[in-house]
Structure formats: C-alpha cells, structure tokens
C-alpha cells in the first residue's frame, strides 16, 4: 500500500511538473517568456508551447488586437484666433514590439494610456493652434487628424506600438463661450422673428385697408345703382298713376281717399275728432259712396 501511494504521488508530481511546462498561446495574444526576470522569448504563433517550470521561467500574455484610447480629459485648446476649443479624440493602436512595450509600460496595458494621452493632447495642441475655428470644424478637420497621426508615429515606436488611426469625435467651445454663443444666436433669432412679425403686421394692415376700401366702393356703387333703379321705378309708377288718374278723375279721388283712410286708421289706438260732414268722410257717406262705387266698378 505504501508503494502504491508513493507511485500515485510520484505520478501526480510528474503531471503537475509537466503541466507547469505547457501553455497555450491564443491567436489574439502574444506570449512573453521570462527567465529569471529577463525576457527570453516572444512567441506570436498560436498553439501549444513548452517552457521550463517555475521559478526558472514564467509567461506573460499581451493582447495583440487593435486597442482604442479615448481622451481622458477635456482640456481647452486655443486656435489661431485665440478661441478656446474642447476636443474629444480617440486613437487606435496595437502592439508591434512586445519587448519594447514591456520595457516602457510594463505588462499592464493600461499604463500606456497614462503615458501616451499627454503626448496626443500636445500634438493636437500644436496642430490646432495653427488653424482657425472654421478649419478645425470643417475644412481642415481631416488635415488635423492626419498631422496628429504623423506626429505620433515616431513617438509610438518608443512605446513598442503602432498608431493605426486618429479621430476627432467632438469639437465644442468651452462652457462659458458656448453659453454666450447660444445667447447671441437666440437674440439674433428673436430679432429676425420680431422683424418678420412687424413685416407681417404691416402687410396685414395694408390688406385690411385695401379690403375696407373695396368694400366701401362696392357698397357705394350698389347704393347708387339701387337709388337709380328706385328712382326709375318711382318715376314709372308715378307716370302710370298719372295716366290712370287722368282717364278717370272720380276713381282717382276715390283712391286718394282710400289711401288717406289707410294712413289715418293704421293703428287701433289712433283717435281722430272730426265733423262727419267734412269732405274727409265724403267717400263713406251714402250718396257719395254710390258714385265712388260706380266709378270703382267702371275702373
């Protein structure tokens, strides 16, 4: 039993020793083999690899994929016009020399951001100060990114990396300048709006005045035409009455009496005190009524 236990323990010890000498390199990684604290080998080909067991050799893995570094802070940069801008940028990079990368940054890839970001900001500062705000925002934006990338190429070699791309994500004024610009824009828009409202009000008054004038003209012309037609009708009616009354004077007298009665007794509350033998009641008296009736019948 003791011999079997020793054999099993020895087998396990051998397996552990073999396991410590084997490691796998992923295709997304670079393996750096250390021997007694010094870099002995850099392995970039993926697969199963061998090394001496610790403490003689150990392995550190680095990511060989493309990395992105964003601007950690937004410090103002002055343009050629002495305007203060805030620029957010990003840099695409990857490791090309693992030994150089470890010598300058160690095995923690986050150390590169701390060391490289001030260099990128300085490169943007040098390029932006040569240009105006309009160039940075539109026409010279691509040229700024290209020039910053060219400045970083030499610096990147000392870090053991390759700069693949430099991009400007956002360009804006600092907060106090932005507020003043927005206030000025709002004031200008209000001025334009007030001017448009004043112009519209003047046009509206002009249209209303013209409409009122046309209405007065139309009403005056219609009244004139109505009075003319009415006058012509009255004249024709008077002519017809004159012709009719001239042919039968007795009927004319009777008709005038009827008109007088109609006008006098229009309302039930009207009261008249007159002599019944007066000429006003001539058409109502028996002797005259027959004559008037005969004349009316004749008409």
C-alpha atoms as a PDB file:
ATOM      1  CA  UNK A   1       0.000   0.000   0.000  1.00  0.00           C
ATOM      2  CA  UNK A   2       2.846   2.369   0.782  1.00  0.00           C
ATOM      3  CA  UNK A   3       4.458   1.542  -2.567  1.00  0.00           C
ATOM      4  CA  UNK A   4       1.217   2.249  -4.426  1.00  0.00           C
ATOM      5  CA  UNK A   5       0.773   5.533  -2.624  1.00  0.00           C
ATOM      6  CA  UNK A   6       4.315   6.547  -3.499  1.00  0.00           C
ATOM      7  CA  UNK A   7       3.741   5.640  -7.148  1.00  0.00           C
ATOM      8  CA  UNK A   8       0.498   7.689  -7.276  1.00  0.00           C
ATOM      9  CA  UNK A   9       2.130  10.658  -5.542  1.00  0.00           C
ATOM     10  CA  UNK A  10       5.072  10.493  -7.891  1.00  0.00           C
ATOM     11  CA  UNK A  11       2.765  10.328 -10.934  1.00  0.00           C
ATOM     12  CA  UNK A  12       0.818  13.350  -9.715  1.00  0.00           C
ATOM     13  CA  UNK A  13       4.039  15.252  -9.118  1.00  0.00           C
ATOM     14  CA  UNK A  14       5.218  14.444 -12.626  1.00  0.00           C
ATOM     15  CA  UNK A  15       1.866  15.560 -14.109  1.00  0.00           C
ATOM     16  CA  UNK A  16       1.992  18.822 -12.191  1.00  0.00           C
ATOM     17  CA  UNK A  17       5.541  19.384 -13.366  1.00  0.00           C
ATOM     18  CA  UNK A  18       4.567  18.690 -16.966  1.00  0.00           C
ATOM     19  CA  UNK A  19       1.504  20.964 -16.669  1.00  0.00           C
ATOM     20  CA  UNK A  20       3.705  23.806 -15.451  1.00  0.00           C
ATOM     21  CA  UNK A  21       5.872  23.457 -18.567  1.00  0.00           C
ATOM     22  CA  UNK A  22       2.975  23.631 -21.016  1.00  0.00           C
ATOM     23  CA  UNK A  23       0.975  26.710 -22.030  1.00  0.00           C
ATOM     24  CA  UNK A  24      -1.361  27.685 -24.882  1.00  0.00           C
ATOM     25  CA  UNK A  25      -0.915  30.824 -26.973  1.00  0.00           C
ATOM     26  CA  UNK A  26      -4.209  32.199 -28.297  1.00  0.00           C
ATOM     27  CA  UNK A  27      -4.241  33.748 -31.764  1.00  0.00           C
ATOM     28  CA  UNK A  28      -5.375  37.031 -30.173  1.00  0.00           C
ATOM     29  CA  UNK A  29      -2.377  37.131 -27.824  1.00  0.00           C
ATOM     30  CA  UNK A  30       1.381  37.418 -27.712  1.00  0.00           C
ATOM     31  CA  UNK A  31       3.280  35.334 -25.142  1.00  0.00           C
ATOM     32  CA  UNK A  32       6.396  36.737 -23.499  1.00  0.00           C
ATOM     33  CA  UNK A  33       8.595  34.142 -21.749  1.00  0.00           C
ATOM     34  CA  UNK A  34      10.629  35.368 -18.764  1.00  0.00           C
ATOM     35  CA  UNK A  35      13.702  33.558 -17.496  1.00  0.00           C
ATOM     36  CA  UNK A  36      14.835  34.684 -14.069  1.00  0.00           C
ATOM     37  CA  UNK A  37      13.242  38.125 -14.536  1.00  0.00           C
ATOM     38  CA  UNK A  38      14.557  38.741 -18.077  1.00  0.00           C
ATOM     39  CA  UNK A  39      12.684  38.455 -21.378  1.00  0.00           C
ATOM     40  CA  UNK A  40      13.927  35.261 -23.022  1.00  0.00           C
ATOM     41  CA  UNK A  41      11.479  34.778 -25.874  1.00  0.00           C
ATOM     42  CA  UNK A  42       8.452  36.364 -27.576  1.00  0.00           C
ATOM     43  CA  UNK A  43       6.006  33.889 -29.070  1.00  0.00           C
ATOM     44  CA  UNK A  44       3.483  35.205 -31.596  1.00  0.00           C
ATOM     45  CA  UNK A  45       2.427  31.961 -33.274  1.00  0.00           C
ATOM     46  CA  UNK A  46      -0.672  30.373 -31.662  1.00  0.00           C
ATOM     47  CA  UNK A  47      -0.598  26.806 -30.342  1.00  0.00           C
ATOM     48  CA  UNK A  48       0.706  24.607 -27.531  1.00  0.00           C
ATOM     49  CA  UNK A  49       4.157  25.715 -26.280  1.00  0.00           C
ATOM     50  CA  UNK A  50       6.757  24.492 -23.795  1.00  0.00           C
ATOM     51  CA  UNK A  51       8.824  26.259 -21.140  1.00  0.00           C
ATOM     52  CA  UNK A  52      10.814  25.448 -18.030  1.00  0.00           C
ATOM     53  CA  UNK A  53       8.826  25.103 -14.832  1.00  0.00           C
ATOM     54  CA  UNK A  54       8.708  27.985 -12.341  1.00  0.00           C
ATOM     55  CA  UNK A  55      10.696  29.647 -10.954  1.00  0.00           C
ATOM     56  CA  UNK A  56      13.043  29.168 -13.896  1.00  0.00           C
ATOM     57  CA  UNK A  57      10.598  30.533 -16.477  1.00  0.00           C
ATOM     58  CA  UNK A  58       7.138  32.157 -16.444  1.00  0.00           C
ATOM     59  CA  UNK A  59       4.847  33.555 -19.179  1.00  0.00           C
ATOM     60  CA  UNK A  60       3.052  36.898 -19.580  1.00  0.00           C
ATOM     61  CA  UNK A  61       0.349  37.358 -22.211  1.00  0.00           C
ATOM     62  CA  UNK A  62      -0.298  40.620 -24.104  1.00  0.00           C
ATOM     63  CA  UNK A  63      -3.316  41.428 -26.255  1.00  0.00           C
ATOM     64  CA  UNK A  64      -2.286  41.775 -29.905  1.00  0.00           C
ATOM     65  CA  UNK A  65      -5.675  43.101 -31.082  1.00  0.00           C
ATOM     66  CA  UNK A  66      -6.376  46.733 -32.022  1.00  0.00           C
ATOM     67  CA  UNK A  67      -6.885  48.878 -28.921  1.00  0.00           C
ATOM     68  CA  UNK A  68      -8.762  52.165 -28.505  1.00  0.00           C
ATOM     69  CA  UNK A  69      -7.638  55.028 -26.295  1.00  0.00           C
ATOM     70  CA  UNK A  70     -10.152  57.816 -25.629  1.00  0.00           C
ATOM     71  CA  UNK A  71      -9.264  61.275 -24.438  1.00  0.00           C
ATOM     72  CA  UNK A  72      -9.212  61.017 -20.620  1.00  0.00           C
ATOM     73  CA  UNK A  73      -9.966  64.703 -20.020  1.00  0.00           C
ATOM     74  CA  UNK A  74     -11.208  67.719 -21.949  1.00  0.00           C
ATOM     75  CA  UNK A  75      -8.667  70.491 -21.579  1.00  0.00           C
ATOM     76  CA  UNK A  76      -9.189  73.635 -23.693  1.00  0.00           C
ATOM     77  CA  UNK A  77      -7.027  74.253 -26.771  1.00  0.00           C
ATOM     78  CA  UNK A  78      -6.616  77.707 -28.318  1.00  0.00           C
ATOM     79  CA  UNK A  79      -6.940  78.247 -32.064  1.00  0.00           C
ATOM     80  CA  UNK A  80      -5.088  80.767 -34.232  1.00  0.00           C
ATOM     81  CA  UNK A  81      -7.905  83.234 -33.432  1.00  0.00           C
ATOM     82  CA  UNK A  82      -7.351  82.737 -29.681  1.00  0.00           C
ATOM     83  CA  UNK A  83     -10.672  80.918 -29.408  1.00  0.00           C
ATOM     84  CA  UNK A  84     -10.828  78.194 -26.783  1.00  0.00           C
ATOM     85  CA  UNK A  85     -11.992  74.775 -28.009  1.00  0.00           C
ATOM     86  CA  UNK A  86     -12.592  71.469 -26.268  1.00  0.00           C
ATOM     87  CA  UNK A  87     -11.702  68.442 -28.427  1.00  0.00           C
ATOM     88  CA  UNK A  88     -12.639  64.823 -27.720  1.00  0.00           C
ATOM     89  CA  UNK A  89     -10.448  62.381 -29.629  1.00  0.00           C
ATOM     90  CA  UNK A  90      -9.622  58.700 -29.907  1.00  0.00           C
ATOM     91  CA  UNK A  91      -6.505  56.799 -31.019  1.00  0.00           C
ATOM     92  CA  UNK A  92      -6.429  53.280 -32.487  1.00  0.00           C
ATOM     93  CA  UNK A  93      -3.207  51.355 -31.759  1.00  0.00           C
ATOM     94  CA  UNK A  94      -1.765  47.862 -31.362  1.00  0.00           C
ATOM     95  CA  UNK A  95       1.406  46.262 -30.054  1.00  0.00           C
ATOM     96  CA  UNK A  96       4.154  45.640 -32.629  1.00  0.00           C
ATOM     97  CA  UNK A  97       7.207  45.182 -30.378  1.00  0.00           C
ATOM     98  CA  UNK A  98       6.278  43.331 -27.183  1.00  0.00           C
ATOM     99  CA  UNK A  99       9.773  43.638 -25.679  1.00  0.00           C
ATOM    100  CA  UNK A 100       9.848  47.413 -26.145  1.00  0.00           C
ATOM    101  CA  UNK A 101       6.272  47.690 -24.884  1.00  0.00           C
ATOM    102  CA  UNK A 102       7.115  45.842 -21.655  1.00  0.00           C
ATOM    103  CA  UNK A 103      10.306  47.868 -21.110  1.00  0.00           C
ATOM    104  CA  UNK A 104       8.373  51.169 -21.317  1.00  0.00           C
ATOM    105  CA  UNK A 105       4.958  50.280 -19.931  1.00  0.00           C
ATOM    106  CA  UNK A 106       5.261  47.002 -18.056  1.00  0.00           C
ATOM    107  CA  UNK A 107       2.795  44.198 -18.539  1.00  0.00           C
ATOM    108  CA  UNK A 108      -0.306  46.282 -17.682  1.00  0.00           C
ATOM    109  CA  UNK A 109      -1.642  47.737 -20.930  1.00  0.00           C
ATOM    110  CA  UNK A 110      -3.487  50.468 -19.030  1.00  0.00           C
ATOM    111  CA  UNK A 111      -0.154  52.104 -18.236  1.00  0.00           C
ATOM    112  CA  UNK A 112       0.126  53.118 -21.897  1.00  0.00           C
ATOM    113  CA  UNK A 113      -2.967  55.362 -21.668  1.00  0.00           C
ATOM    114  CA  UNK A 114      -1.442  57.304 -18.811  1.00  0.00           C
ATOM    115  CA  UNK A 115       1.818  57.897 -20.690  1.00  0.00           C
ATOM    116  CA  UNK A 116       0.513  58.373 -24.238  1.00  0.00           C
ATOM    117  CA  UNK A 117      -2.524  60.641 -23.646  1.00  0.00           C
ATOM    118  CA  UNK A 118      -0.429  63.765 -22.743  1.00  0.00           C
ATOM    119  CA  UNK A 119       1.582  63.261 -25.936  1.00  0.00           C
ATOM    120  CA  UNK A 120      -1.592  63.036 -28.033  1.00  0.00           C
ATOM    121  CA  UNK A 121      -3.016  66.161 -26.379  1.00  0.00           C
ATOM    122  CA  UNK A 122       0.229  68.049 -27.043  1.00  0.00           C
ATOM    123  CA  UNK A 123       0.107  67.003 -30.710  1.00  0.00           C
ATOM    124  CA  UNK A 124      -3.476  68.250 -31.026  1.00  0.00           C
ATOM    125  CA  UNK A 125      -2.491  71.484 -29.291  1.00  0.00           C
ATOM    126  CA  UNK A 126       0.310  72.132 -31.786  1.00  0.00           C
ATOM    127  CA  UNK A 127      -1.889  71.430 -34.801  1.00  0.00           C
ATOM    128  CA  UNK A 128      -4.997  73.311 -33.637  1.00  0.00           C
ATOM    129  CA  UNK A 129      -3.069  76.491 -32.772  1.00  0.00           C
ATOM    130  CA  UNK A 130      -2.126  76.768 -36.463  1.00  0.00           C
ATOM    131  CA  UNK A 131      -5.730  76.824 -37.640  1.00  0.00           C
ATOM    132  CA  UNK A 132      -8.917  78.829 -37.236  1.00  0.00           C
ATOM    133  CA  UNK A 133     -12.164  77.606 -35.710  1.00  0.00           C
ATOM    134  CA  UNK A 134     -13.729  77.175 -39.154  1.00  0.00           C
ATOM    135  CA  UNK A 135     -10.846  74.997 -40.325  1.00  0.00           C
ATOM    136  CA  UNK A 136     -10.962  72.795 -37.235  1.00  0.00           C
ATOM    137  CA  UNK A 137     -14.728  72.366 -37.516  1.00  0.00           C
ATOM    138  CA  UNK A 138     -14.980  71.734 -41.247  1.00  0.00           C
ATOM    139  CA  UNK A 139     -12.384  72.227 -43.970  1.00  0.00           C
ATOM    140  CA  UNK A 140      -9.211  71.378 -42.015  1.00  0.00           C
ATOM    141  CA  UNK A 141     -10.598  68.657 -39.742  1.00  0.00           C
ATOM    142  CA  UNK A 142      -9.165  65.738 -41.750  1.00  0.00           C
ATOM    143  CA  UNK A 143      -5.818  67.502 -42.112  1.00  0.00           C
ATOM    144  CA  UNK A 144      -5.618  67.994 -38.337  1.00  0.00           C
ATOM    145  CA  UNK A 145      -6.150  64.250 -37.737  1.00  0.00           C
ATOM    146  CA  UNK A 146      -3.562  63.301 -40.371  1.00  0.00           C
ATOM    147  CA  UNK A 147      -0.945  65.686 -38.979  1.00  0.00           C
ATOM    148  CA  UNK A 148      -1.513  64.485 -35.404  1.00  0.00           C
ATOM    149  CA  UNK A 149      -1.126  60.877 -36.570  1.00  0.00           C
ATOM    150  CA  UNK A 150       2.141  61.774 -38.350  1.00  0.00           C
ATOM    151  CA  UNK A 151       3.457  63.385 -35.153  1.00  0.00           C
ATOM    152  CA  UNK A 152       2.624  60.276 -33.111  1.00  0.00           C
ATOM    153  CA  UNK A 153       4.286  57.741 -35.413  1.00  0.00           C
ATOM    154  CA  UNK A 154       7.808  58.359 -34.102  1.00  0.00           C
ATOM    155  CA  UNK A 155       6.626  58.585 -30.505  1.00  0.00           C
ATOM    156  CA  UNK A 156       4.769  55.289 -30.880  1.00  0.00           C
ATOM    157  CA  UNK A 157       7.938  53.372 -31.791  1.00  0.00           C
ATOM    158  CA  UNK A 158       9.463  54.116 -28.407  1.00  0.00           C
ATOM    159  CA  UNK A 159       6.377  52.553 -26.784  1.00  0.00           C
ATOM    160  CA  UNK A 160       6.534  49.434 -28.952  1.00  0.00           C
ATOM    161  CA  UNK A 161       3.169  50.166 -30.598  1.00  0.00           C
ATOM    162  CA  UNK A 162       1.800  51.223 -33.983  1.00  0.00           C
ATOM    163  CA  UNK A 163      -0.661  54.115 -34.405  1.00  0.00           C
ATOM    164  CA  UNK A 164      -3.365  52.999 -36.821  1.00  0.00           C
ATOM    165  CA  UNK A 165      -5.792  55.908 -36.727  1.00  0.00           C
ATOM    166  CA  UNK A 166      -6.509  59.223 -35.002  1.00  0.00           C
ATOM    167  CA  UNK A 167     -10.055  60.593 -34.930  1.00  0.00           C
ATOM    168  CA  UNK A 168     -11.771  63.716 -33.603  1.00  0.00           C
ATOM    169  CA  UNK A 169     -15.090  62.732 -32.018  1.00  0.00           C
ATOM    170  CA  UNK A 170     -16.354  66.136 -30.945  1.00  0.00           C
ATOM    171  CA  UNK A 171     -15.293  69.772 -31.144  1.00  0.00           C
ATOM    172  CA  UNK A 172     -17.030  72.321 -28.947  1.00  0.00           C
ATOM    173  CA  UNK A 173     -16.445  75.637 -27.255  1.00  0.00           C
ATOM    174  CA  UNK A 174     -15.832  75.825 -23.537  1.00  0.00           C
ATOM    175  CA  UNK A 175     -18.914  76.208 -21.352  1.00  0.00           C
ATOM    176  CA  UNK A 176     -18.894  79.988 -20.842  1.00  0.00           C
ATOM    177  CA  UNK A 177     -18.224  80.688 -24.531  1.00  0.00           C
ATOM    178  CA  UNK A 178     -20.911  78.209 -25.546  1.00  0.00           C
ATOM    179  CA  UNK A 179     -23.466  79.964 -23.336  1.00  0.00           C
ATOM    180  CA  UNK A 180     -22.594  83.361 -24.825  1.00  0.00           C
ATOM    181  CA  UNK A 181     -22.832  81.973 -28.371  1.00  0.00           C
ATOM    182  CA  UNK A 182     -26.230  80.427 -27.661  1.00  0.00           C
ATOM    183  CA  UNK A 183     -27.423  83.692 -26.129  1.00  0.00           C
ATOM    184  CA  UNK A 184     -26.253  85.636 -29.158  1.00  0.00           C
ATOM    185  CA  UNK A 185     -27.898  83.159 -31.518  1.00  0.00           C
ATOM    186  CA  UNK A 186     -31.150  83.372 -29.549  1.00  0.00           C
ATOM    187  CA  UNK A 187     -31.011  87.176 -29.643  1.00  0.00           C
ATOM    188  CA  UNK A 188     -30.438  87.153 -33.398  1.00  0.00           C
ATOM    189  CA  UNK A 189     -33.316  84.710 -33.939  1.00  0.00           C
ATOM    190  CA  UNK A 190     -35.612  86.858 -31.802  1.00  0.00           C
ATOM    191  CA  UNK A 191     -34.623  89.952 -33.794  1.00  0.00           C
ATOM    192  CA  UNK A 192     -35.395  88.167 -37.061  1.00  0.00           C
ATOM    193  CA  UNK A 193     -38.702  86.901 -35.645  1.00  0.00           C
ATOM    194  CA  UNK A 194     -39.698  90.395 -34.495  1.00  0.00           C
ATOM    195  CA  UNK A 195     -38.812  91.807 -37.888  1.00  0.00           C
ATOM    196  CA  UNK A 196     -40.888  89.145 -39.635  1.00  0.00           C
ATOM    197  CA  UNK A 197     -43.815  89.800 -37.273  1.00  0.00           C
ATOM    198  CA  UNK A 198     -43.586  93.553 -37.921  1.00  0.00           C
ATOM    199  CA  UNK A 199     -43.474  92.987 -41.678  1.00  0.00           C
ATOM    200  CA  UNK A 200     -46.433  90.599 -41.447  1.00  0.00           C
ATOM    201  CA  UNK A 201     -48.404  93.103 -39.340  1.00  0.00           C
ATOM    202  CA  UNK A 202     -47.763  95.878 -41.881  1.00  0.00           C
ATOM    203  CA  UNK A 203     -48.819  93.626 -44.746  1.00  0.00           C
ATOM    204  CA  UNK A 204     -51.929  92.612 -42.804  1.00  0.00           C
ATOM    205  CA  UNK A 205     -52.906  96.243 -42.179  1.00  0.00           C
ATOM    206  CA  UNK A 206     -52.345  97.011 -45.837  1.00  0.00           C
ATOM    207  CA  UNK A 207     -54.543  94.102 -46.915  1.00  0.00           C
ATOM    208  CA  UNK A 208     -57.278  95.034 -44.421  1.00  0.00           C
ATOM    209  CA  UNK A 209     -57.211  98.693 -45.531  1.00  0.00           C
ATOM    210  CA  UNK A 210     -57.453  97.669 -49.182  1.00  0.00           C
ATOM    211  CA  UNK A 211     -60.340  95.295 -48.371  1.00  0.00           C
ATOM    212  CA  UNK A 212     -62.170  98.026 -46.434  1.00  0.00           C
ATOM    213  CA  UNK A 213     -61.694 100.452 -49.318  1.00  0.00           C
ATOM    214  CA  UNK A 214     -63.023  97.936 -51.824  1.00  0.00           C
ATOM    215  CA  UNK A 215     -65.984  97.197 -49.551  1.00  0.00           C
ATOM    216  CA  UNK A 216     -66.836 100.905 -49.273  1.00  0.00           C
ATOM    217  CA  UNK A 217     -66.601 101.299 -53.042  1.00  0.00           C
ATOM    218  CA  UNK A 218     -68.799  98.260 -53.663  1.00  0.00           C
ATOM    219  CA  UNK A 219     -71.395  99.380 -51.113  1.00  0.00           C
ATOM    220  CA  UNK A 220     -71.429 102.932 -52.533  1.00  0.00           C
ATOM    221  CA  UNK A 221     -71.817 101.679 -56.097  1.00  0.00           C
ATOM    222  CA  UNK A 222     -74.576  99.267 -55.033  1.00  0.00           C
ATOM    223  CA  UNK A 223     -76.419 102.074 -53.161  1.00  0.00           C
ATOM    224  CA  UNK A 224     -76.045 104.325 -56.182  1.00  0.00           C
ATOM    225  CA  UNK A 225     -77.431 101.674 -58.514  1.00  0.00           C
ATOM    226  CA  UNK A 226     -80.256 100.903 -56.056  1.00  0.00           C
ATOM    227  CA  UNK A 227     -81.225 104.570 -55.789  1.00  0.00           C
ATOM    228  CA  UNK A 228     -81.115 104.893 -59.548  1.00  0.00           C
ATOM    229  CA  UNK A 229     -83.338 101.848 -60.038  1.00  0.00           C
ATOM    230  CA  UNK A 230     -85.658 103.006 -57.285  1.00  0.00           C
ATOM    231  CA  UNK A 231     -85.915 106.448 -58.836  1.00  0.00           C
ATOM    232  CA  UNK A 232     -86.668 104.965 -62.222  1.00  0.00           C
ATOM    233  CA  UNK A 233     -89.314 102.692 -60.662  1.00  0.00           C
ATOM    234  CA  UNK A 234     -90.893 105.593 -58.758  1.00  0.00           C
ATOM    235  CA  UNK A 235     -90.928 107.687 -61.905  1.00  0.00           C
ATOM    236  CA  UNK A 236     -92.537 104.912 -63.894  1.00  0.00           C
ATOM    237  CA  UNK A 237     -95.065 104.265 -61.113  1.00  0.00           C
ATOM    238  CA  UNK A 238     -95.912 107.985 -60.954  1.00  0.00           C
ATOM    239  CA  UNK A 239     -96.335 108.039 -64.724  1.00  0.00           C
ATOM    240  CA  UNK A 240     -98.645 105.033 -64.603  1.00  0.00           C
ATOM    241  CA  UNK A 241    -100.674 106.565 -61.751  1.00  0.00           C
ATOM    242  CA  UNK A 242    -100.906 109.877 -63.622  1.00  0.00           C
ATOM    243  CA  UNK A 243    -102.120 108.176 -66.789  1.00  0.00           C
ATOM    244  CA  UNK A 244    -104.664 106.099 -64.853  1.00  0.00           C
ATOM    245  CA  UNK A 245    -105.956 109.031 -62.797  1.00  0.00           C
ATOM    246  CA  UNK A 246    -106.206 111.200 -65.874  1.00  0.00           C
ATOM    247  CA  UNK A 247    -108.536 108.723 -67.556  1.00  0.00           C
ATOM    248  CA  UNK A 248    -110.958 108.539 -64.553  1.00  0.00           C
ATOM    249  CA  UNK A 249    -110.793 111.518 -62.129  1.00  0.00           C
ATOM    250  CA  UNK A 250    -113.565 110.103 -59.889  1.00  0.00           C
ATOM    251  CA  UNK A 251    -111.603 106.856 -59.354  1.00  0.00           C
ATOM    252  CA  UNK A 252    -108.530 108.883 -58.645  1.00  0.00           C
ATOM    253  CA  UNK A 253    -110.378 110.852 -55.965  1.00  0.00           C
ATOM    254  CA  UNK A 254    -111.734 107.621 -54.512  1.00  0.00           C
ATOM    255  CA  UNK A 255    -108.285 106.001 -54.482  1.00  0.00           C
ATOM    256  CA  UNK A 256    -106.764 109.007 -52.758  1.00  0.00           C
ATOM    257  CA  UNK A 257    -109.495 108.822 -50.137  1.00  0.00           C
ATOM    258  CA  UNK A 258    -108.703 105.156 -49.503  1.00  0.00           C
ATOM    259  CA  UNK A 259    -105.023 105.956 -49.128  1.00  0.00           C
ATOM    260  CA  UNK A 260    -105.919 108.717 -46.685  1.00  0.00           C
ATOM    261  CA  UNK A 261    -108.088 106.321 -44.653  1.00  0.00           C
ATOM    262  CA  UNK A 262    -105.359 103.687 -44.607  1.00  0.00           C
ATOM    263  CA  UNK A 263    -102.829 106.191 -43.347  1.00  0.00           C
ATOM    264  CA  UNK A 264    -105.184 107.676 -40.754  1.00  0.00           C
ATOM    265  CA  UNK A 265    -106.556 104.445 -39.274  1.00  0.00           C
ATOM    266  CA  UNK A 266    -103.344 102.390 -39.348  1.00  0.00           C
ATOM    267  CA  UNK A 267    -103.379 101.653 -35.587  1.00  0.00           C
ATOM    268  CA  UNK A 268    -106.382 100.725 -33.429  1.00  0.00           C
ATOM    269  CA  UNK A 269    -105.272 103.133 -30.746  1.00  0.00           C
ATOM    270  CA  UNK A 270    -105.418 106.141 -33.086  1.00  0.00           C
ATOM    271  CA  UNK A 271    -108.174 108.668 -32.221  1.00  0.00           C
ATOM    272  CA  UNK A 272    -109.472 111.412 -34.535  1.00  0.00           C
ATOM    273  CA  UNK A 273    -112.129 114.004 -33.689  1.00  0.00           C
ATOM    274  CA  UNK A 274    -113.723 115.352 -36.927  1.00  0.00           C
ATOM    275  CA  UNK A 275    -117.038 116.532 -38.273  1.00  0.00           C
ATOM    276  CA  UNK A 276    -118.749 113.624 -40.067  1.00  0.00           C
ATOM    277  CA  UNK A 277    -119.998 116.012 -42.765  1.00  0.00           C
ATOM    278  CA  UNK A 278    -116.475 117.047 -43.710  1.00  0.00           C
ATOM    279  CA  UNK A 279    -115.034 116.160 -47.079  1.00  0.00           C
ATOM    280  CA  UNK A 280    -112.734 113.635 -45.429  1.00  0.00           C
ATOM    281  CA  UNK A 281    -115.684 111.263 -44.959  1.00  0.00           C
ATOM    282  CA  UNK A 282    -117.205 112.046 -48.332  1.00  0.00           C
ATOM    283  CA  UNK A 283    -116.365 108.571 -49.697  1.00  0.00           C
ATOM    284  CA  UNK A 284    -118.123 106.958 -46.720  1.00  0.00           C
ATOM    285  CA  UNK A 285    -121.406 108.839 -46.996  1.00  0.00           C
ATOM    286  CA  UNK A 286    -124.209 107.036 -48.769  1.00  0.00           C
ATOM    287  CA  UNK A 287    -124.747 109.419 -51.692  1.00  0.00           C
ATOM    288  CA  UNK A 288    -121.050 109.808 -52.472  1.00  0.00           C
ATOM    289  CA  UNK A 289    -120.241 106.146 -51.848  1.00  0.00           C
ATOM    290  CA  UNK A 290    -122.539 105.119 -54.671  1.00  0.00           C
ATOM    291  CA  UNK A 291    -120.828 107.485 -57.011  1.00  0.00           C
ATOM    292  CA  UNK A 292    -117.412 106.325 -55.832  1.00  0.00           C
ATOM    293  CA  UNK A 293    -118.509 102.692 -56.081  1.00  0.00           C
ATOM    294  CA  UNK A 294    -119.784 103.251 -59.596  1.00  0.00           C
ATOM    295  CA  UNK A 295    -116.539 104.857 -60.538  1.00  0.00           C
ATOM    296  CA  UNK A 296    -114.621 101.960 -58.954  1.00  0.00           C
ATOM    297  CA  UNK A 297    -116.783  99.458 -60.790  1.00  0.00           C
ATOM    298  CA  UNK A 298    -116.230 101.328 -64.018  1.00  0.00           C
ATOM    299  CA  UNK A 299    -112.472 101.270 -63.438  1.00  0.00           C
END
